[in-house]
Amino acid sequence: MSATKRSGAQQAMASPHTITLPPKTVLEGKYRIEEVTGHGGNGVVYRAEHAVLGRSFAVKVLSIPQDAEDELEAISRFRSQARAVAQLAHPNIVSVVDFGITEDLRPFYVMEHLEGETLQAALLRKRRLEHMEAVEIADSVADALVAAHKAGLLHLDLTPSNIFLAGRPGARPAVKVLDFAVAAFFGAPQAHAAAGGAALLSRTYGTVGYAAPEILMGFANPDERADVFGLGVILFEMLTGRRPFVGQSDREVIEATVSQPVLSPRSLRPEIFASMERLILTALAKDPDQRFRSVREMLEQLTAAAVGRSGDEVVCRTDVQVETPCNIETPYDGLPVPRWARLARGESIEEDTVGSRSQGGSKWFFGALLVGIGALAVALMLALVGAGWPLGGGAPSSTSTAAPADRLETTARIWLDLTPRWMTVRANGAETSKRPLMCQRGEQLELSFEAEGHIPQARTVECGADRSVEVRLMKKSPASVHPE
């Protein structure tokens, strides 16, 4: 499931002059090159070992364009992007720790070395991911993009090969976004200044099959909605096992991306929630104005769509091959609405869940609802009398076969409202990614919450009625973080 980068009319710059560093080359007396591990959007990535510390790092060396004017721009952009990513310091973005110049005057920057696999490798191995696994990866990527966009930095080349699942096999991976190599700066002028004065995007970038239509068509200065589109493509692929835009050539893929309707994800995998499908199709709208306005807005909708709920903001679209109406009922509509889902729908936490929908016809609706409840109560009373229950109280007659308590549900749902979202959750000592947590009424659930760089917490939760548990982990102070 490979993709060709920036081919033909989509090339961003002249063919770069790539010189591969031989093994054992030492950069600035510190980083000893061991092997090539990959090729990024504008350079070669190596595994290197620190000559003194003996610790492994990833080193990316810029591939210099052959055109002199492009060379100066490429070096300036490379330096600015390295500086911007280094200042983000986000757990879901690969860390940049150093910057330098090779002996032949090519800039390089140094990143943390990651063990694990790319999302592309995981998809080649599994074809598609389980629902919650895909949602958690998308959630982490979205968190990283929100931080980058806040700093005025776009990614513009989101692909499965640029998402890394770090960690040991079988363990819950730490999701890292890689390679802001073709990123652009947007927003406030101070964001550009903080990054070293990099210019706005003025060329075509991205990977065919993942890039937004406005990128492929060469429109100047895209905004964060281009990253919304890229994340939508990746979510589609994780859940269905294929990309939404395919063809026999780059030209056909570009044509599909720009002009052809998007195939319904549920036609490829029927168990996908209708709300999740609507979220994906909204992210993949051809017109940026029809997408989510930001990755933050998409992230808020994602948490609700993950359990089959949808916010009121998801709109009907006419350019999509999908028969599902916009007001379709989802499998979880009868469940209590958790706090984060209410926030995602724009409701006030102080308001009652149904009270926030009071519009023109709501008075009639609630009047009819009360009449219906009254009729149901009368019918239930008559049924109980017929079964031997006296109206005045007391014990039932011998013909009664079960007490009302026996008819109560035996399970409870625990909704988790987590900050940071990517924290590890353990229930009774076992790591779990299930949302909501399920437990037997009357049972005590021992929960622990951990996240890198944060102070862990432990909670004992009594499983009575359905409830929401809010967890906010405090960041560790610099003094309490020990260097490796």
Protein backbone atom coordinates (compact mmCIF):
# COMPACT_ATOMS: atom_id res chain seq x y z
CA MET A 1 0.00 0.00 0.00
CA SER A 2 2.73 2.37 -1.00
CA ALA A 3 2.31 5.92 -2.24
CA THR A 4 4.48 7.93 -4.60
CA LYS A 5 5.57 11.26 -3.17
CA ARG A 6 5.39 14.54 -5.04
CA SER A 7 5.69 13.15 -8.55
CA GLY A 8 5.25 15.00 -11.84
CA ALA A 9 3.42 18.33 -11.48
CA GLN A 10 3.21 17.76 -7.72
CA GLN A 11 6.95 18.03 -7.09
CA ALA A 12 7.77 20.70 -4.54
CA MET A 13 11.30 21.44 -5.61
CA ALA A 14 14.03 20.36 -7.97
CA SER A 15 15.44 16.86 -7.46
CA PRO A 16 17.56 16.99 -4.31
CA HIS A 17 21.23 16.16 -4.34
CA THR A 18 21.36 13.24 -1.90
CA ILE A 19 24.72 12.14 -0.48
CA THR A 20 24.52 9.16 1.86
CA LEU A 21 26.88 9.35 4.81
CA PRO A 22 29.07 6.26 5.21
CA PRO A 23 28.86 4.28 8.47
CA LYS A 24 31.12 5.44 11.33
CA THR A 25 31.00 9.07 10.14
CA VAL A 26 31.03 11.28 13.24
CA LEU A 27 29.01 14.50 13.16
CA GLU A 28 30.35 17.42 15.23
CA GLY A 29 32.42 14.99 17.30
CA LYS A 30 29.29 13.51 18.95
CA TYR A 31 27.01 11.48 16.71
CA ARG A 32 28.48 8.36 15.07
CA ILE A 33 26.44 7.23 12.04
CA GLU A 34 25.49 3.53 12.20
CA GLU A 35 22.94 2.91 9.41
CA VAL A 36 20.28 4.46 7.18
CA THR A 37 16.78 3.91 8.62
CA GLY A 38 14.62 5.87 6.18
CA HIS A 39 14.10 8.79 3.83
CA GLY A 40 11.96 11.71 4.93
CA GLY A 41 10.30 14.37 2.84
CA ASN A 42 13.54 16.34 2.39
CA GLY A 43 16.37 14.26 3.79
CA VAL A 44 17.91 10.97 4.86
CA VAL A 45 17.38 9.58 8.38
CA TYR A 46 20.13 7.62 10.13
CA ARG A 47 20.48 5.76 13.38
CA ALA A 48 23.43 7.23 15.22
CA GLU A 49 25.10 6.60 18.56
CA HIS A 50 26.32 9.34 20.87
CA ALA A 51 30.11 8.99 21.09
CA VAL A 52 30.17 9.75 24.83
CA LEU A 53 26.78 8.65 26.18
CA GLY A 54 26.48 5.51 24.07
CA ARG A 55 22.81 6.29 23.51
CA SER A 56 21.05 5.86 20.16
CA PHE A 57 19.52 8.84 18.35
CA ALA A 58 17.90 9.44 14.97
CA VAL A 59 19.71 11.97 12.79
CA LYS A 60 18.10 13.60 9.75
CA VAL A 61 20.44 15.22 7.22
CA LEU A 62 18.99 17.61 4.63
CA SER A 63 19.15 16.59 0.98
CA ILE A 64 20.30 19.74 -0.82
CA PRO A 65 18.37 20.77 -3.99
CA GLN A 66 20.49 21.27 -7.11
CA ASP A 67 19.09 24.74 -7.76
CA ALA A 68 21.01 27.39 -5.77
CA GLU A 69 17.92 29.50 -4.99
CA ASP A 70 16.03 26.42 -3.83
CA GLU A 71 19.05 25.42 -1.76
CA LEU A 72 18.96 28.60 0.32
CA GLU A 73 15.20 28.29 0.84
CA ALA A 74 15.47 24.59 1.75
CA ILE A 75 18.18 25.24 4.35
CA SER A 76 16.22 28.11 5.88
CA ARG A 77 13.02 26.08 6.02
CA PHE A 78 14.82 22.98 7.41
CA ARG A 79 16.31 25.03 10.25
CA SER A 80 13.01 26.80 10.99
CA GLN A 81 11.01 23.58 11.07
CA ALA A 82 13.54 21.87 13.34
CA ARG A 83 13.35 24.83 15.73
CA ALA A 84 9.55 24.90 15.67
CA VAL A 85 9.16 21.15 16.31
CA ALA A 86 11.77 21.27 19.10
CA GLN A 87 9.75 23.97 20.86
CA LEU A 88 6.50 21.96 20.72
CA ALA A 89 7.71 19.35 23.26
CA HIS A 90 4.55 17.25 22.87
CA PRO A 91 4.41 13.55 23.91
CA ASN A 92 2.87 12.59 20.55
CA ILE A 93 5.47 14.43 18.43
CA VAL A 94 8.97 13.03 18.01
CA SER A 95 11.41 15.12 20.08
CA VAL A 96 14.12 17.20 18.40
CA VAL A 97 17.11 17.53 20.75
CA ASP A 98 20.00 19.01 18.75
CA PHE A 99 20.96 20.76 15.51
CA GLY A 100 24.24 20.92 13.62
CA ILE A 101 26.14 21.16 10.31
CA THR A 102 28.02 18.37 8.54
CA GLU A 103 31.57 18.82 7.23
CA ASP A 104 30.17 19.40 3.73
CA LEU A 105 27.91 22.16 5.15
CA ARG A 106 24.58 20.31 5.15
CA PRO A 107 22.33 20.96 8.15
CA PHE A 108 21.08 18.10 10.29
CA TYR A 109 18.95 17.73 13.37
CA VAL A 110 18.89 15.04 16.04
CA MET A 111 15.74 13.30 17.30
CA GLU A 112 14.91 10.70 19.91
CA HIS A 113 15.43 7.16 18.64
CA LEU A 114 12.21 5.12 18.62
CA GLU A 115 11.77 1.34 18.80
CA GLY A 116 8.63 -0.10 17.25
CA GLU A 117 7.00 0.19 13.83
CA THR A 118 5.27 2.71 11.63
CA LEU A 119 1.50 2.67 11.23
CA GLN A 120 2.17 1.72 7.60
CA ALA A 121 3.98 -1.44 8.75
CA ALA A 122 1.15 -2.25 11.18
CA LEU A 123 -1.45 -1.89 8.40
CA LEU A 124 0.58 -4.09 6.05
CA ARG A 125 0.68 -6.72 8.79
CA LYS A 126 -2.96 -6.46 9.97
CA ARG A 127 -4.65 -4.89 6.90
CA ARG A 128 -7.04 -2.96 9.18
CA LEU A 129 -7.25 -2.15 12.89
CA GLU A 130 -9.81 -2.79 15.58
CA HIS A 131 -12.23 0.09 16.12
CA MET A 132 -10.87 1.40 19.43
CA GLU A 133 -7.23 0.87 18.39
CA ALA A 134 -7.79 3.07 15.34
CA VAL A 135 -9.62 5.69 17.39
CA GLU A 136 -6.84 5.87 19.99
CA ILE A 137 -4.20 6.35 17.29
CA ALA A 138 -6.29 9.04 15.59
CA ASP A 139 -6.90 10.69 18.96
CA SER A 140 -3.14 10.87 19.67
CA VAL A 141 -2.35 12.20 16.19
CA ALA A 142 -5.09 14.81 16.55
CA ASP A 143 -3.68 15.87 19.94
CA ALA A 144 -0.27 16.36 18.31
CA LEU A 145 -1.75 18.39 15.45
CA VAL A 146 -3.72 20.62 17.83
CA ALA A 147 -0.45 21.49 19.60
CA ALA A 148 1.34 22.09 16.28
CA HIS A 149 -1.48 24.27 14.91
CA LYS A 150 -1.55 26.29 18.12
CA ALA A 151 2.13 27.06 17.49
CA GLY A 152 1.32 28.04 13.90
CA LEU A 153 2.78 24.90 12.29
CA LEU A 154 1.00 22.70 9.72
CA HIS A 155 2.15 19.17 8.90
CA LEU A 156 0.71 18.77 5.35
CA ASP A 157 2.14 15.27 4.80
CA LEU A 158 0.20 13.00 7.15
CA THR A 159 0.64 9.39 6.01
CA PRO A 160 0.85 6.04 7.84
CA SER A 161 4.63 6.09 7.27
CA ASN A 162 4.81 9.37 9.23
CA ILE A 163 3.03 7.93 12.28
CA PHE A 164 5.17 5.77 14.54
CA LEU A 165 3.90 3.25 17.09
CA ALA A 166 6.69 3.16 19.65
CA GLY A 167 7.05 0.47 22.29
CA ARG A 168 7.57 -3.22 22.87
CA PRO A 169 5.55 -5.80 20.88
CA GLY A 170 2.26 -6.56 22.63
CA ALA A 171 2.36 -3.40 24.76
CA ARG A 172 0.19 -0.36 24.21
CA PRO A 173 2.14 1.84 21.76
CA ALA A 174 3.09 5.45 22.25
CA VAL A 175 1.96 7.25 19.10
CA LYS A 176 4.49 9.69 17.60
CA VAL A 177 3.98 11.99 14.62
CA LEU A 178 7.11 12.17 12.46
CA ASP A 179 8.53 14.25 9.65
CA PHE A 180 7.27 17.81 9.59
CA ALA A 181 9.63 18.12 6.61
CA VAL A 182 7.13 19.77 4.26
CA ALA A 183 5.34 21.71 6.98
CA ALA A 184 4.24 25.32 6.59
CA PHE A 185 3.72 28.16 9.01
CA PHE A 186 0.43 29.99 9.23
CA GLY A 187 -1.50 32.22 11.61
CA ALA A 188 -0.06 35.01 13.71
CA PRO A 189 3.19 36.72 12.62
CA GLN A 190 4.74 35.94 16.02
CA ALA A 191 4.49 32.23 15.20
CA HIS A 192 6.67 32.79 12.13
CA ALA A 193 9.13 34.90 14.09
CA ALA A 194 9.42 32.29 16.84
CA ALA A 195 10.27 29.69 14.21
CA GLY A 196 12.99 31.86 12.74
CA GLY A 197 11.05 33.84 10.16
CA ALA A 198 10.13 31.01 7.79
CA ALA A 199 8.06 31.95 4.77
CA LEU A 200 4.52 30.77 4.18
CA LEU A 201 3.94 27.79 1.93
CA SER A 202 4.10 28.76 -1.71
CA ARG A 203 4.59 25.38 -3.44
CA THR A 204 2.80 22.08 -3.79
CA TYR A 205 3.58 19.45 -1.17
CA GLY A 206 2.16 16.23 0.18
CA THR A 207 1.73 12.58 -0.76
CA VAL A 208 -0.64 11.55 -3.52
CA GLY A 209 -3.52 9.61 -1.97
CA TYR A 210 -3.34 11.49 1.33
CA ALA A 211 -2.96 15.17 0.38
CA ALA A 212 -6.04 17.41 0.38
CA PRO A 213 -7.54 18.57 -2.94
CA GLU A 214 -6.39 22.15 -2.41
CA ILE A 215 -2.80 20.88 -1.95
CA LEU A 216 -2.92 18.77 -5.12
CA MET A 217 -4.41 21.67 -7.09
CA GLY A 218 -1.59 23.97 -6.00
CA PHE A 219 -3.62 26.53 -4.04
CA ALA A 220 -1.36 28.83 -2.05
CA ASN A 221 -1.36 29.01 1.74
CA PRO A 222 -3.57 26.12 2.91
CA ASP A 223 -4.71 26.10 6.53
CA GLU A 224 -5.23 23.46 9.21
CA ARG A 225 -8.22 22.01 7.33
CA ALA A 226 -5.66 20.38 5.02
CA ASP A 227 -4.43 18.38 8.03
CA VAL A 228 -8.06 17.57 8.90
CA PHE A 229 -8.32 15.94 5.46
CA GLY A 230 -5.09 13.97 5.94
CA LEU A 231 -6.25 12.67 9.31
CA GLY A 232 -9.58 11.69 7.73
CA VAL A 233 -7.78 9.64 5.06
CA ILE A 234 -5.72 7.82 7.71
CA LEU A 235 -8.77 7.10 9.88
CA PHE A 236 -10.60 5.74 6.80
CA GLU A 237 -7.65 3.47 6.00
CA MET A 238 -7.19 2.22 9.57
CA LEU A 239 -10.85 1.18 9.83
CA THR A 240 -11.45 -0.21 6.31
CA GLY A 241 -8.04 -1.54 5.25
CA ARG A 242 -7.84 0.61 2.09
CA ARG A 243 -7.40 4.23 1.12
CA PRO A 244 -10.46 6.24 0.07
CA PHE A 245 -8.81 7.40 -3.17
CA VAL A 246 -7.23 4.79 -5.45
CA GLY A 247 -6.20 4.47 -9.09
CA GLN A 248 -3.74 2.89 -11.49
CA SER A 249 -1.57 6.01 -11.58
CA ASP A 250 -0.92 9.19 -9.64
CA ARG A 251 -3.06 11.08 -12.13
CA GLU A 252 -6.05 8.78 -11.46
CA VAL A 253 -5.57 9.05 -7.68
CA ILE A 254 -5.41 12.84 -7.91
CA GLU A 255 -8.56 12.92 -10.04
CA ALA A 256 -10.36 10.71 -7.50
CA THR A 257 -9.23 12.95 -4.63
CA VAL A 258 -10.27 16.17 -6.35
CA SER A 259 -13.52 15.22 -8.06
CA GLN A 260 -14.91 11.75 -7.29
CA PRO A 261 -17.35 11.00 -4.42
CA VAL A 262 -16.00 9.22 -1.36
CA LEU A 263 -17.01 5.60 -0.89
CA SER A 264 -19.02 4.89 2.27
CA PRO A 265 -16.73 3.34 4.94
CA ARG A 266 -19.67 1.23 6.16
CA SER A 267 -20.02 -0.35 2.72
CA LEU A 268 -16.54 -1.77 3.32
CA ARG A 269 -17.01 -2.54 7.02
CA PRO A 270 -20.65 -2.50 8.17
CA GLU A 271 -19.86 -2.54 11.91
CA ILE A 272 -18.42 0.99 11.75
CA PHE A 273 -20.72 3.33 13.66
CA ALA A 274 -22.85 5.65 11.53
CA SER A 275 -21.56 8.58 13.58
CA MET A 276 -17.95 7.56 12.84
CA GLU A 277 -18.74 7.36 9.13
CA ARG A 278 -20.23 10.86 9.19
CA LEU A 279 -17.13 12.17 10.98
CA ILE A 280 -14.80 10.63 8.36
CA LEU A 281 -16.86 11.87 5.41
CA THR A 282 -17.01 15.38 6.87
CA ALA A 283 -13.21 15.39 7.22
CA LEU A 284 -12.90 14.24 3.57
CA ALA A 285 -15.10 16.94 2.04
CA LYS A 286 -13.63 18.32 -1.21
CA ASP A 287 -14.37 21.90 -0.18
CA PRO A 288 -12.38 22.96 2.92
CA ASP A 289 -15.39 25.02 4.05
CA GLN A 290 -17.41 21.79 4.36
CA ARG A 291 -14.87 20.11 6.65
CA PHE A 292 -14.33 20.56 10.34
CA ARG A 293 -13.01 24.05 10.93
CA SER A 294 -10.04 22.72 12.89
CA VAL A 295 -8.46 19.51 14.13
CA ARG A 296 -9.60 20.49 17.62
CA GLU A 297 -13.23 20.46 16.45
CA MET A 298 -12.67 17.08 14.78
CA LEU A 299 -11.06 15.75 17.96
CA GLU A 300 -14.06 16.75 20.06
CA GLN A 301 -16.37 14.94 17.62
CA LEU A 302 -14.05 11.90 17.52
CA THR A 303 -14.48 11.13 21.22
CA ALA A 304 -18.26 11.02 20.81
CA ALA A 305 -18.23 9.11 17.51
CA ALA A 306 -15.92 6.48 19.07
CA VAL A 307 -18.82 5.10 21.12
CA GLY A 308 -21.48 5.52 18.48
CA ARG A 309 -22.70 8.99 19.44
CA SER A 310 -22.57 12.04 17.19
CA GLY A 311 -22.64 15.73 17.94
CA ASP A 312 -25.25 18.04 16.46
CA GLU A 313 -22.64 19.80 14.30
CA VAL A 314 -22.09 16.89 11.87
CA VAL A 315 -23.87 17.94 8.69
CA CYS A 316 -25.53 16.18 5.74
CA ARG A 317 -23.47 16.21 2.55
CA THR A 318 -24.68 15.57 -0.97
CA ASP A 319 -21.35 14.65 -2.60
CA VAL A 320 -21.00 11.32 -0.76
CA GLN A 321 -22.10 7.84 -1.85
CA VAL A 322 -23.95 6.98 1.37
CA GLU A 323 -27.57 5.98 1.85
CA THR A 324 -27.59 6.58 5.61
CA PRO A 325 -29.78 9.59 6.54
CA CYS A 326 -28.24 12.25 8.76
CA ASN A 327 -30.65 11.61 11.65
CA ILE A 328 -29.94 7.88 11.87
CA GLU A 329 -30.18 6.36 15.35
CA THR A 330 -26.94 4.84 16.63
CA PRO A 331 -26.50 1.74 18.84
CA TYR A 332 -25.57 3.76 21.94
CA ASP A 333 -28.35 6.34 21.87
CA GLY A 334 -29.88 4.90 25.08
CA LEU A 335 -26.73 5.31 27.19
CA PRO A 336 -26.07 8.22 29.56
CA VAL A 337 -24.13 11.00 27.84
CA PRO A 338 -20.64 11.37 29.38
CA ARG A 339 -19.25 14.78 30.27
CA TRP A 340 -16.82 14.95 27.32
CA ALA A 341 -19.55 14.05 24.84
CA ARG A 342 -21.79 16.82 26.24
CA LEU A 343 -18.93 19.28 25.82
CA ALA A 344 -18.35 18.03 22.27
CA ARG A 345 -22.01 18.77 21.49
CA GLY A 346 -21.66 22.32 22.82
CA GLU A 347 -23.87 21.70 25.86
CA SER A 348 -23.35 23.39 29.21
CA ILE A 349 -22.34 20.98 31.97
CA GLU A 350 -24.78 22.70 34.35
CA GLU A 351 -27.72 22.00 32.05
CA ASP A 352 -29.68 18.78 31.93
CA THR A 353 -28.71 16.62 28.91
CA VAL A 354 -32.11 16.78 27.23
CA GLY A 355 -32.84 20.30 28.43
CA SER A 356 -30.23 21.76 26.11
CA ARG A 357 -32.34 20.83 23.08
CA SER A 358 -35.31 23.08 23.97
CA GLN A 359 -36.39 24.61 20.67
CA GLY A 360 -39.76 25.30 19.00
CA GLY A 361 -41.36 21.83 19.28
CA SER A 362 -39.80 20.74 22.57
CA LYS A 363 -42.73 21.81 24.80
CA TRP A 364 -45.11 19.63 22.84
CA PHE A 365 -42.61 16.78 22.98
CA PHE A 366 -42.15 16.90 26.75
CA GLY A 367 -45.92 17.22 27.26
CA ALA A 368 -46.47 14.10 25.19
CA LEU A 369 -43.65 12.38 27.07
CA LEU A 370 -45.29 13.11 30.45
CA VAL A 371 -48.65 11.82 29.21
CA GLY A 372 -46.94 8.67 27.99
CA ILE A 373 -45.18 8.13 31.32
CA GLY A 374 -48.50 8.59 33.17
CA ALA A 375 -50.22 6.03 30.97
CA LEU A 376 -47.35 3.61 31.46
CA ALA A 377 -47.54 4.02 35.26
CA VAL A 378 -51.29 3.25 35.27
CA ALA A 379 -50.76 0.17 33.13
CA LEU A 380 -47.94 -1.01 35.40
CA MET A 381 -50.12 -0.52 38.50
CA LEU A 382 -52.95 -2.59 37.00
CA ALA A 383 -50.49 -5.30 36.03
CA LEU A 384 -49.08 -5.48 39.55
CA VAL A 385 -52.58 -5.72 41.08
CA GLY A 386 -53.39 -8.54 38.70
CA ALA A 387 -50.19 -10.29 39.76
CA GLY A 388 -51.18 -10.18 43.46
CA TRP A 389 -49.54 -6.95 44.65
CA PRO A 390 -51.77 -4.99 47.11
CA LEU A 391 -52.14 -1.27 46.37
CA GLY A 392 -51.72 -0.36 50.02
CA GLY A 393 -48.24 -1.86 50.34
CA GLY A 394 -47.14 -4.97 52.19
CA ALA A 395 -45.89 -8.25 50.86
CA PRO A 396 -47.05 -9.65 47.53
CA SER A 397 -49.32 -12.64 47.36
CA SER A 398 -47.90 -16.12 46.94
CA THR A 399 -48.57 -15.97 43.18
CA SER A 400 -45.79 -13.36 42.72
CA THR A 401 -42.64 -14.98 41.30
CA ALA A 402 -39.95 -12.25 41.57
CA ALA A 403 -39.24 -9.08 43.47
CA PRO A 404 -38.73 -5.86 41.49
CA ALA A 405 -35.08 -5.73 42.60
CA ASP A 406 -34.40 -8.88 40.64
CA ARG A 407 -35.29 -7.05 37.44
CA LEU A 408 -32.57 -4.38 37.83
CA GLU A 409 -29.52 -4.40 35.56
CA THR A 410 -26.50 -6.11 37.11
CA THR A 411 -23.80 -4.15 35.24
CA ALA A 412 -22.66 -0.54 35.46
CA ARG A 413 -20.77 1.64 32.98
CA ILE A 414 -17.87 3.86 34.02
CA TRP A 415 -17.16 6.73 31.58
CA LEU A 416 -13.61 8.13 31.76
CA ASP A 417 -12.88 11.81 31.13
CA LEU A 418 -9.06 11.82 30.86
CA THR A 419 -6.42 14.55 30.60
CA PRO A 420 -4.09 13.80 28.92
CA ARG A 421 -6.18 11.57 26.66
CA TRP A 422 -3.28 9.21 25.91
CA MET A 423 -2.70 8.08 29.51
CA THR A 424 -2.47 4.37 30.34
CA VAL A 425 -5.44 3.01 32.32
CA ARG A 426 -5.35 -0.16 34.42
CA ALA A 427 -8.40 -1.79 36.00
CA ASN A 428 -7.64 -4.23 38.83
CA GLY A 429 -4.01 -4.34 37.65
CA ALA A 430 -4.72 -5.11 33.99
CA GLU A 431 -4.19 -2.51 31.27
CA THR A 432 -7.40 -1.72 29.40
CA SER A 433 -8.45 0.42 26.45
CA LYS A 434 -12.17 -0.33 26.71
CA ARG A 435 -14.48 2.69 26.87
CA PRO A 436 -16.70 2.75 28.82
CA LEU A 437 -15.45 0.38 31.52
CA MET A 438 -17.98 -2.29 32.48
CA CYS A 439 -18.30 -3.73 35.99
CA GLN A 440 -20.75 -5.63 38.18
CA ARG A 441 -22.93 -3.49 40.45
CA GLY A 442 -21.59 -3.63 43.98
CA GLU A 443 -18.07 -4.45 42.77
CA GLN A 444 -15.10 -2.24 43.66
CA LEU A 445 -12.90 -1.31 40.71
CA GLU A 446 -9.26 -0.44 41.45
CA LEU A 447 -8.14 2.01 38.75
CA SER A 448 -4.66 3.41 38.12
CA PHE A 449 -3.73 6.15 35.65
CA GLU A 450 -0.23 6.78 34.28
CA ALA A 451 1.29 9.03 31.62
CA GLU A 452 4.88 9.84 30.73
CA GLY A 453 6.02 13.02 32.45
CA HIS A 454 2.98 13.11 34.77
CA ILE A 455 2.30 12.11 38.39
CA PRO A 456 0.29 8.85 38.43
CA GLN A 457 -3.02 8.52 40.25
CA ALA A 458 -5.02 5.63 41.72
CA ARG A 459 -8.78 5.56 42.31
CA THR A 460 -11.18 3.08 43.89
CA VAL A 461 -14.53 3.26 42.14
CA GLU A 462 -17.72 1.75 43.57
CA CYS A 463 -19.79 0.21 40.79
CA GLY A 464 -23.29 1.37 41.59
CA ALA A 465 -25.11 3.33 38.93
CA ASP A 466 -23.64 4.45 35.62
CA ARG A 467 -21.24 7.31 36.31
CA SER A 468 -18.43 9.45 34.93
CA VAL A 469 -14.94 9.61 36.44
CA GLU A 470 -12.81 12.68 35.70
CA VAL A 471 -9.02 12.26 35.93
CA ARG A 472 -6.52 15.10 35.53
CA LEU A 473 -2.84 14.09 35.87
CA MET A 474 -0.45 16.78 37.07
CA LYS A 475 2.79 17.27 35.14
CA LYS A 476 5.97 16.40 37.04
CA SER A 477 8.15 19.32 38.05
CA PRO A 478 11.50 19.54 36.23
CA ALA A 479 13.29 18.64 39.47
CA SER A 480 11.43 15.32 39.71
CA VAL A 481 12.24 14.21 36.15
CA HIS A 482 15.52 12.28 36.18
CA PRO A 483 17.63 12.23 33.01
CA GLU A 484 18.19 8.87 31.43
